[in-house]
Amino acid sequence: MNLSLINNDGLRLQLQLSTDNAHSSLTSDRIDIAPGQWSHAAVTYDGTNAKLFVNGSEVAIASQTGTVKRAAPVVVGTDRDAVDRFSGKIDRVRVYSRALEPQELQVLIDQDPPKNEAPTVQAGANQVVQLSQALELSGASSDDALPFTSRTQTNWTQLQGPGTAAFADASKVNTSVTFDAAGDYVLQLLASDGMLATTDQITVKVVDSSSLLADWTMNEGSGATIQDSSPWHRNGVVQGPTWTNSGQSGSGFISME
């Protein structure tokens, strides 16, 4: 059995059915299917008639007898020769051992249409950056691919701050940003599927290092050298103390050049 959507002077639903008595092809009249929206297609066969349905409405019927050949595969989306291939998305294919009644098909239709959910978005963790440095933003976004006629769009914007945040490419979730003034900034990452949108924010503290002479984090944990993380790289020398998880202990001194 092959169920396909063909374009023959308009969209038509086509069934190719093989039984132990005969092989037949049933094609509907032109049908209206709205682009970008899910439609429900169904075929029923009760040993006497083959019927085609679109969104619960019968669109074609033909007499047919015999038992469906089980050796033949059930194919959805193309014809027997794989010529008229469906261009779109297929979701939730069901096969039953009997012909469903129209009211049963309607129950399935009411259950089936996937619900469009808003994209998920994460702007990342709050950051601290030197005024003279670019900050690498590591955002993330995902979507359910609905509606399937649109692509998820993302965009970074500045909500608050004493100066201007300049994004290298505001449309990318992973990009860099620079600032022209020290202070606290709030940046927002938006993700939209064309119908629904989600946002997330991070806070960035921008520090002006022009007056900072040195910055020793004391995180080395061993050795006799402490690294200066300021732009001036004034490393220090440890003499006497022993390292602990929280910094230095004991008697001694630190010499910085």
C-alpha atoms as a PDB file:
ATOM      1  CA  MET A   1       0.000   0.000   0.000  1.00  0.00           C
ATOM      2  CA  ASN A   2       1.288   3.430  -0.966  1.00  0.00           C
ATOM      3  CA  LEU A   3      -0.264   6.676   0.283  1.00  0.00           C
ATOM      4  CA  SER A   4       1.133   9.829  -1.296  1.00  0.00           C
ATOM      5  CA  LEU A   5       0.396  13.480  -1.983  1.00  0.00           C
ATOM      6  CA  ILE A   6       0.833  14.335  -5.666  1.00  0.00           C
ATOM      7  CA  ASN A   7       0.754  17.573  -7.597  1.00  0.00           C
ATOM      8  CA  ASN A   8      -1.384  16.976 -10.666  1.00  0.00           C
ATOM      9  CA  ASP A   9      -3.189  20.178 -11.593  1.00  0.00           C
ATOM     10  CA  GLY A  10      -3.335  20.835  -7.866  1.00  0.00           C
ATOM     11  CA  LEU A  11      -2.647  18.782  -4.765  1.00  0.00           C
ATOM     12  CA  ARG A  12      -4.303  15.350  -4.681  1.00  0.00           C
ATOM     13  CA  LEU A  13      -4.167  12.434  -2.282  1.00  0.00           C
ATOM     14  CA  GLN A  14      -3.376   9.130  -3.989  1.00  0.00           C
ATOM     15  CA  LEU A  15      -3.671   5.525  -2.779  1.00  0.00           C
ATOM     16  CA  GLN A  16      -2.146   2.485  -4.476  1.00  0.00           C
ATOM     17  CA  LEU A  17      -3.585  -0.669  -2.949  1.00  0.00           C
ATOM     18  CA  SER A  18      -2.733  -4.301  -3.713  1.00  0.00           C
ATOM     19  CA  THR A  19      -4.959  -7.185  -2.603  1.00  0.00           C
ATOM     20  CA  ASP A  20      -4.989 -10.869  -3.535  1.00  0.00           C
ATOM     21  CA  ASN A  21      -7.639  -9.984  -6.121  1.00  0.00           C
ATOM     22  CA  ALA A  22      -6.343  -6.856  -7.814  1.00  0.00           C
ATOM     23  CA  HIS A  23      -4.150  -3.784  -7.728  1.00  0.00           C
ATOM     24  CA  SER A  24      -5.909  -0.431  -7.868  1.00  0.00           C
ATOM     25  CA  SER A  25      -5.077   3.252  -7.719  1.00  0.00           C
ATOM     26  CA  LEU A  26      -7.406   5.783  -6.092  1.00  0.00           C
ATOM     27  CA  THR A  27      -6.822   9.526  -6.508  1.00  0.00           C
ATOM     28  CA  SER A  28      -8.848  12.301  -4.926  1.00  0.00           C
ATOM     29  CA  ASP A  29     -10.008  15.507  -6.529  1.00  0.00           C
ATOM     30  CA  ARG A  30      -7.961  18.602  -5.762  1.00  0.00           C
ATOM     31  CA  ILE A  31      -7.700  19.235  -2.045  1.00  0.00           C
ATOM     32  CA  ASP A  32      -6.969  22.402  -0.082  1.00  0.00           C
ATOM     33  CA  ILE A  33      -4.055  22.072   2.324  1.00  0.00           C
ATOM     34  CA  ALA A  34      -2.861  25.243   4.041  1.00  0.00           C
ATOM     35  CA  PRO A  35       0.932  25.703   3.879  1.00  0.00           C
ATOM     36  CA  GLY A  36       2.639  25.688   7.265  1.00  0.00           C
ATOM     37  CA  GLN A  37      -0.213  23.881   9.028  1.00  0.00           C
ATOM     38  CA  TRP A  38      -0.644  20.213   9.894  1.00  0.00           C
ATOM     39  CA  SER A  39      -3.240  18.225   7.937  1.00  0.00           C
ATOM     40  CA  HIS A  40      -4.578  14.760   8.718  1.00  0.00           C
ATOM     41  CA  ALA A  41      -4.692  12.173   5.907  1.00  0.00           C
ATOM     42  CA  ALA A  42      -6.285   8.744   6.298  1.00  0.00           C
ATOM     43  CA  VAL A  43      -7.165   5.696   4.209  1.00  0.00           C
ATOM     44  CA  THR A  44      -9.623   2.976   5.211  1.00  0.00           C
ATOM     45  CA  TYR A  45     -10.299  -0.389   3.579  1.00  0.00           C
ATOM     46  CA  ASP A  46     -12.992  -2.775   4.804  1.00  0.00           C
ATOM     47  CA  GLY A  47     -12.719  -5.484   2.148  1.00  0.00           C
ATOM     48  CA  THR A  48     -15.374  -3.800   0.003  1.00  0.00           C
ATOM     49  CA  ASN A  49     -14.392  -0.148  -0.370  1.00  0.00           C
ATOM     50  CA  ALA A  50     -11.234   1.896  -0.138  1.00  0.00           C
ATOM     51  CA  LYS A  51     -11.707   5.472   1.092  1.00  0.00           C
ATOM     52  CA  LEU A  52      -9.491   8.525   1.395  1.00  0.00           C
ATOM     53  CA  PHE A  53      -9.972  11.218   4.031  1.00  0.00           C
ATOM     54  CA  VAL A  54      -8.363  14.637   4.543  1.00  0.00           C
ATOM     55  CA  ASN A  55      -8.938  16.325   7.897  1.00  0.00           C
ATOM     56  CA  GLY A  56     -11.889  14.001   8.541  1.00  0.00           C
ATOM     57  CA  SER A  57     -13.664  14.625   5.226  1.00  0.00           C
ATOM     58  CA  GLU A  58     -14.034  11.828   2.687  1.00  0.00           C
ATOM     59  CA  VAL A  59     -12.353  12.895  -0.567  1.00  0.00           C
ATOM     60  CA  ALA A  60     -12.412   9.659  -2.615  1.00  0.00           C
ATOM     61  CA  ILE A  61     -13.956   6.172  -2.623  1.00  0.00           C
ATOM     62  CA  ALA A  62     -13.558   3.116  -4.844  1.00  0.00           C
ATOM     63  CA  SER A  63     -14.769  -0.469  -4.790  1.00  0.00           C
ATOM     64  CA  GLN A  64     -12.109  -3.018  -3.949  1.00  0.00           C
ATOM     65  CA  THR A  65     -12.214  -6.589  -2.699  1.00  0.00           C
ATOM     66  CA  GLY A  66      -9.750  -9.092  -1.374  1.00  0.00           C
ATOM     67  CA  THR A  67      -7.192  -9.274   1.394  1.00  0.00           C
ATOM     68  CA  VAL A  68      -4.398  -6.726   1.549  1.00  0.00           C
ATOM     69  CA  LYS A  69      -1.092  -8.310   0.596  1.00  0.00           C
ATOM     70  CA  ARG A  70       1.004  -8.419   3.737  1.00  0.00           C
ATOM     71  CA  ALA A  71       4.187  -9.104   1.811  1.00  0.00           C
ATOM     72  CA  ALA A  72       4.014  -5.603   0.321  1.00  0.00           C
ATOM     73  CA  PRO A  73       5.345  -2.773   2.509  1.00  0.00           C
ATOM     74  CA  VAL A  74       3.226   0.107   3.748  1.00  0.00           C
ATOM     75  CA  VAL A  75       4.704   3.260   2.232  1.00  0.00           C
ATOM     76  CA  VAL A  76       3.666   6.785   3.185  1.00  0.00           C
ATOM     77  CA  GLY A  77       4.974   9.766   1.257  1.00  0.00           C
ATOM     78  CA  THR A  78       5.598   8.422  -2.243  1.00  0.00           C
ATOM     79  CA  ASP A  79       4.025   6.304  -4.987  1.00  0.00           C
ATOM     80  CA  ARG A  80       4.913   2.768  -5.970  1.00  0.00           C
ATOM     81  CA  ASP A  81       7.695   3.939  -8.280  1.00  0.00           C
ATOM     82  CA  ALA A  82       9.065   6.480  -5.775  1.00  0.00           C
ATOM     83  CA  VAL A  83       8.545   9.236  -8.335  1.00  0.00           C
ATOM     84  CA  ASP A  84       6.038  11.571  -6.653  1.00  0.00           C
ATOM     85  CA  ARG A  85       7.798  12.092  -3.333  1.00  0.00           C
ATOM     86  CA  PHE A  86       6.147  14.124  -0.618  1.00  0.00           C
ATOM     87  CA  SER A  87       7.858  17.446   0.153  1.00  0.00           C
ATOM     88  CA  GLY A  88       7.080  18.365   3.731  1.00  0.00           C
ATOM     89  CA  LYS A  89       6.919  16.762   7.170  1.00  0.00           C
ATOM     90  CA  ILE A  90       5.223  13.542   8.301  1.00  0.00           C
ATOM     91  CA  ASP A  91       4.351  12.841  11.928  1.00  0.00           C
ATOM     92  CA  ARG A  92       2.474  10.080  13.783  1.00  0.00           C
ATOM     93  CA  VAL A  93       1.708   7.228  11.352  1.00  0.00           C
ATOM     94  CA  ARG A  94      -0.784   4.644  12.641  1.00  0.00           C
ATOM     95  CA  VAL A  95      -1.910   1.279  11.173  1.00  0.00           C
ATOM     96  CA  TYR A  96      -5.017  -0.515  12.448  1.00  0.00           C
ATOM     97  CA  SER A  97      -6.328  -4.045  11.883  1.00  0.00           C
ATOM     98  CA  ARG A  98      -9.769  -2.758  10.875  1.00  0.00           C
ATOM     99  CA  ALA A  99     -11.312   0.163   9.024  1.00  0.00           C
ATOM    100  CA  LEU A 100     -11.997   3.054  11.394  1.00  0.00           C
ATOM    101  CA  GLU A 101     -15.305   4.893  11.247  1.00  0.00           C
ATOM    102  CA  PRO A 102     -15.327   8.634  10.369  1.00  0.00           C
ATOM    103  CA  GLN A 103     -16.134   9.582  13.969  1.00  0.00           C
ATOM    104  CA  GLU A 104     -13.124   7.575  15.150  1.00  0.00           C
ATOM    105  CA  LEU A 105     -10.918   9.407  12.685  1.00  0.00           C
ATOM    106  CA  GLN A 106     -12.205  12.706  14.042  1.00  0.00           C
ATOM    107  CA  VAL A 107     -11.136  11.727  17.570  1.00  0.00           C
ATOM    108  CA  LEU A 108      -7.618  11.096  16.279  1.00  0.00           C
ATOM    109  CA  ILE A 109      -7.601  14.399  14.417  1.00  0.00           C
ATOM    110  CA  ASP A 110      -8.532  16.276  17.585  1.00  0.00           C
ATOM    111  CA  GLN A 111      -5.628  14.602  19.411  1.00  0.00           C
ATOM    112  CA  ASP A 112      -2.922  14.711  16.761  1.00  0.00           C
ATOM    113  CA  PRO A 113      -1.949  18.268  15.755  1.00  0.00           C
ATOM    114  CA  PRO A 114       1.375  19.013  17.493  1.00  0.00           C
ATOM    115  CA  LYS A 115       1.225  22.123  19.646  1.00  0.00           C
ATOM    116  CA  ASN A 116       3.772  24.804  18.896  1.00  0.00           C
ATOM    117  CA  GLU A 117       5.910  25.490  21.950  1.00  0.00           C
ATOM    118  CA  ALA A 118       8.059  28.571  22.469  1.00  0.00           C
ATOM    119  CA  PRO A 119      11.805  28.120  21.921  1.00  0.00           C
ATOM    120  CA  THR A 120      14.015  27.587  24.950  1.00  0.00           C
ATOM    121  CA  VAL A 121      16.880  30.008  25.435  1.00  0.00           C
ATOM    122  CA  GLN A 122      19.773  30.384  27.873  1.00  0.00           C
ATOM    123  CA  ALA A 123      21.913  33.514  27.957  1.00  0.00           C
ATOM    124  CA  GLY A 124      24.579  31.887  30.131  1.00  0.00           C
ATOM    125  CA  ALA A 125      26.101  32.781  33.477  1.00  0.00           C
ATOM    126  CA  ASN A 126      26.723  36.289  34.822  1.00  0.00           C
ATOM    127  CA  GLN A 127      30.198  37.574  33.914  1.00  0.00           C
ATOM    128  CA  VAL A 128      32.938  39.989  34.989  1.00  0.00           C
ATOM    129  CA  VAL A 129      35.190  41.465  32.321  1.00  0.00           C
ATOM    130  CA  GLN A 130      37.858  44.126  32.018  1.00  0.00           C
ATOM    131  CA  LEU A 131      36.871  47.252  30.122  1.00  0.00           C
ATOM    132  CA  SER A 132      39.709  46.732  27.669  1.00  0.00           C
ATOM    133  CA  GLN A 133      38.693  43.136  26.857  1.00  0.00           C
ATOM    134  CA  ALA A 134      35.999  41.554  24.683  1.00  0.00           C
ATOM    135  CA  LEU A 135      33.595  39.186  26.428  1.00  0.00           C
ATOM    136  CA  GLU A 136      32.707  35.887  24.759  1.00  0.00           C
ATOM    137  CA  LEU A 137      28.981  35.198  25.133  1.00  0.00           C
ATOM    138  CA  SER A 138      27.927  31.540  25.259  1.00  0.00           C
ATOM    139  CA  GLY A 139      24.174  31.360  24.788  1.00  0.00           C
ATOM    140  CA  ALA A 140      22.037  28.411  23.743  1.00  0.00           C
ATOM    141  CA  SER A 141      18.655  27.935  22.090  1.00  0.00           C
ATOM    142  CA  SER A 142      16.490  25.036  20.938  1.00  0.00           C
ATOM    143  CA  ASP A 143      13.070  24.725  19.316  1.00  0.00           C
ATOM    144  CA  ASP A 144      10.454  22.128  18.338  1.00  0.00           C
ATOM    145  CA  ALA A 145      10.656  23.051  14.600  1.00  0.00           C
ATOM    146  CA  LEU A 146       7.103  24.426  14.656  1.00  0.00           C
ATOM    147  CA  PRO A 147       5.734  26.104  12.704  1.00  0.00           C
ATOM    148  CA  PHE A 148       7.801  24.277  10.105  1.00  0.00           C
ATOM    149  CA  THR A 149       7.668  27.150   7.609  1.00  0.00           C
ATOM    150  CA  SER A 150       9.858  29.335   9.815  1.00  0.00           C
ATOM    151  CA  ARG A 151      13.360  29.244  11.276  1.00  0.00           C
ATOM    152  CA  THR A 152      14.251  30.110  14.843  1.00  0.00           C
ATOM    153  CA  GLN A 153      15.739  33.605  15.029  1.00  0.00           C
ATOM    154  CA  THR A 154      17.967  34.736  17.915  1.00  0.00           C
ATOM    155  CA  ASN A 155      19.120  38.214  18.883  1.00  0.00           C
ATOM    156  CA  TRP A 156      21.218  39.828  21.640  1.00  0.00           C
ATOM    157  CA  THR A 157      20.253  43.280  22.935  1.00  0.00           C
ATOM    158  CA  GLN A 158      21.358  45.591  25.735  1.00  0.00           C
ATOM    159  CA  LEU A 159      18.680  46.334  28.331  1.00  0.00           C
ATOM    160  CA  GLN A 160      20.675  48.356  30.877  1.00  0.00           C
ATOM    161  CA  GLY A 161      24.138  49.822  31.328  1.00  0.00           C
ATOM    162  CA  PRO A 162      26.094  53.044  31.727  1.00  0.00           C
ATOM    163  CA  GLY A 163      27.542  52.811  28.228  1.00  0.00           C
ATOM    164  CA  THR A 164      27.064  50.929  24.982  1.00  0.00           C
ATOM    165  CA  ALA A 165      27.466  47.190  24.448  1.00  0.00           C
ATOM    166  CA  ALA A 166      28.685  46.455  20.910  1.00  0.00           C
ATOM    167  CA  PHE A 167      27.980  42.900  19.681  1.00  0.00           C
ATOM    168  CA  ALA A 168      30.142  41.320  16.987  1.00  0.00           C
ATOM    169  CA  ASP A 169      27.043  39.546  15.593  1.00  0.00           C
ATOM    170  CA  ALA A 170      23.891  40.045  17.648  1.00  0.00           C
ATOM    171  CA  SER A 171      22.024  37.334  15.689  1.00  0.00           C
ATOM    172  CA  LYS A 172      24.300  34.513  16.914  1.00  0.00           C
ATOM    173  CA  VAL A 173      23.899  32.880  20.322  1.00  0.00           C
ATOM    174  CA  ASN A 174      27.691  32.573  20.589  1.00  0.00           C
ATOM    175  CA  THR A 175      29.319  35.918  19.866  1.00  0.00           C
ATOM    176  CA  SER A 176      31.548  38.545  21.486  1.00  0.00           C
ATOM    177  CA  VAL A 177      30.697  41.923  22.968  1.00  0.00           C
ATOM    178  CA  THR A 178      32.721  44.970  23.992  1.00  0.00           C
ATOM    179  CA  PHE A 179      31.848  47.875  26.287  1.00  0.00           C
ATOM    180  CA  ASP A 180      32.833  51.541  26.240  1.00  0.00           C
ATOM    181  CA  ALA A 181      32.277  52.309  29.940  1.00  0.00           C
ATOM    182  CA  ALA A 182      32.724  50.525  33.257  1.00  0.00           C
ATOM    183  CA  GLY A 183      29.689  49.472  35.297  1.00  0.00           C
ATOM    184  CA  ASP A 184      26.900  46.902  35.386  1.00  0.00           C
ATOM    185  CA  TYR A 185      25.143  45.876  32.166  1.00  0.00           C
ATOM    186  CA  VAL A 186      22.104  43.682  31.557  1.00  0.00           C
ATOM    187  CA  LEU A 187      22.147  41.811  28.255  1.00  0.00           C
ATOM    188  CA  GLN A 188      19.211  39.866  26.842  1.00  0.00           C
ATOM    189  CA  LEU A 189      19.114  36.932  24.434  1.00  0.00           C
ATOM    190  CA  LEU A 190      15.834  36.435  22.551  1.00  0.00           C
ATOM    191  CA  ALA A 191      14.761  33.362  20.556  1.00  0.00           C
ATOM    192  CA  SER A 192      11.662  33.456  18.337  1.00  0.00           C
ATOM    193  CA  ASP A 193      10.024  30.907  16.027  1.00  0.00           C
ATOM    194  CA  GLY A 194       7.961  33.600  14.311  1.00  0.00           C
ATOM    195  CA  MET A 195       4.953  33.030  16.562  1.00  0.00           C
ATOM    196  CA  LEU A 196       6.331  32.596  20.080  1.00  0.00           C
ATOM    197  CA  ALA A 197       9.414  34.078  21.719  1.00  0.00           C
ATOM    198  CA  THR A 198      11.459  33.483  24.870  1.00  0.00           C
ATOM    199  CA  THR A 199      14.114  35.664  26.526  1.00  0.00           C
ATOM    200  CA  ASP A 200      16.848  35.236  29.101  1.00  0.00           C
ATOM    201  CA  GLN A 201      19.194  37.823  30.642  1.00  0.00           C
ATOM    202  CA  ILE A 202      22.669  37.975  32.131  1.00  0.00           C
ATOM    203  CA  THR A 203      24.417  40.676  34.136  1.00  0.00           C
ATOM    204  CA  VAL A 204      27.925  41.732  33.113  1.00  0.00           C
ATOM    205  CA  LYS A 205      30.153  43.729  35.458  1.00  0.00           C
ATOM    206  CA  VAL A 206      32.673  45.729  33.466  1.00  0.00           C
ATOM    207  CA  VAL A 207      35.767  46.750  35.452  1.00  0.00           C
ATOM    208  CA  ASP A 208      38.068  49.589  34.476  1.00  0.00           C
ATOM    209  CA  SER A 209      41.571  48.205  34.985  1.00  0.00           C
ATOM    210  CA  SER A 210      43.373  51.465  34.162  1.00  0.00           C
ATOM    211  CA  SER A 211      43.800  52.184  37.912  1.00  0.00           C
ATOM    212  CA  LEU A 212      44.410  48.577  38.901  1.00  0.00           C
ATOM    213  CA  LEU A 213      48.094  47.931  39.586  1.00  0.00           C
ATOM    214  CA  ALA A 214      47.921  44.214  40.384  1.00  0.00           C
ATOM    215  CA  ASP A 215      45.419  41.411  41.061  1.00  0.00           C
ATOM    216  CA  TRP A 216      46.668  38.272  42.825  1.00  0.00           C
ATOM    217  CA  THR A 217      43.897  35.652  43.123  1.00  0.00           C
ATOM    218  CA  MET A 218      46.037  33.329  45.321  1.00  0.00           C
ATOM    219  CA  ASN A 219      44.548  30.282  43.586  1.00  0.00           C
ATOM    220  CA  GLU A 220      47.774  28.521  42.575  1.00  0.00           C
ATOM    221  CA  GLY A 221      47.652  26.035  45.474  1.00  0.00           C
ATOM    222  CA  SER A 222      51.363  25.210  45.309  1.00  0.00           C
ATOM    223  CA  GLY A 223      54.699  26.626  44.301  1.00  0.00           C
ATOM    224  CA  ALA A 224      56.519  29.825  45.129  1.00  0.00           C
ATOM    225  CA  THR A 225      54.931  32.090  42.476  1.00  0.00           C
ATOM    226  CA  ILE A 226      51.568  33.854  42.518  1.00  0.00           C
ATOM    227  CA  GLN A 227      50.202  35.071  39.206  1.00  0.00           C
ATOM    228  CA  ASP A 228      49.013  38.611  38.620  1.00  0.00           C
ATOM    229  CA  SER A 229      45.784  38.511  36.593  1.00  0.00           C
ATOM    230  CA  SER A 230      45.821  42.254  35.913  1.00  0.00           C
ATOM    231  CA  PRO A 231      46.975  43.559  32.532  1.00  0.00           C
ATOM    232  CA  TRP A 232      50.369  44.394  34.117  1.00  0.00           C
ATOM    233  CA  HIS A 233      51.342  40.802  35.006  1.00  0.00           C
ATOM    234  CA  ARG A 234      53.213  41.717  38.209  1.00  0.00           C
ATOM    235  CA  ASN A 235      53.808  38.212  39.544  1.00  0.00           C
ATOM    236  CA  GLY A 236      54.746  37.711  43.192  1.00  0.00           C
ATOM    237  CA  VAL A 237      57.062  35.352  45.097  1.00  0.00           C
ATOM    238  CA  VAL A 238      55.869  33.398  48.150  1.00  0.00           C
ATOM    239  CA  GLN A 239      58.372  32.869  50.973  1.00  0.00           C
ATOM    240  CA  GLY A 240      57.515  30.954  54.131  1.00  0.00           C
ATOM    241  CA  PRO A 241      53.736  30.271  54.177  1.00  0.00           C
ATOM    242  CA  THR A 242      52.147  26.938  53.264  1.00  0.00           C
ATOM    243  CA  TRP A 243      49.212  26.593  50.859  1.00  0.00           C
ATOM    244  CA  THR A 244      45.708  25.693  51.997  1.00  0.00           C
ATOM    245  CA  ASN A 245      42.438  25.346  50.081  1.00  0.00           C
ATOM    246  CA  SER A 246      41.442  28.863  51.090  1.00  0.00           C
ATOM    247  CA  GLY A 247      44.752  30.642  50.432  1.00  0.00           C
ATOM    248  CA  GLN A 248      47.873  31.078  52.606  1.00  0.00           C
ATOM    249  CA  SER A 249      48.564  30.225  56.263  1.00  0.00           C
ATOM    250  CA  GLY A 250      51.505  30.338  58.665  1.00  0.00           C
ATOM    251  CA  SER A 251      54.177  32.993  58.989  1.00  0.00           C
ATOM    252  CA  GLY A 252      56.108  34.424  56.086  1.00  0.00           C
ATOM    253  CA  PHE A 253      55.813  37.139  53.488  1.00  0.00           C
ATOM    254  CA  ILE A 254      55.014  37.762  49.819  1.00  0.00           C
ATOM    255  CA  SER A 255      57.306  39.795  47.617  1.00  0.00           C
ATOM    256  CA  MET A 256      55.931  41.547  44.533  1.00  0.00           C
ATOM    257  CA  GLU A 257      57.977  43.337  41.922  1.00  0.00           C
END
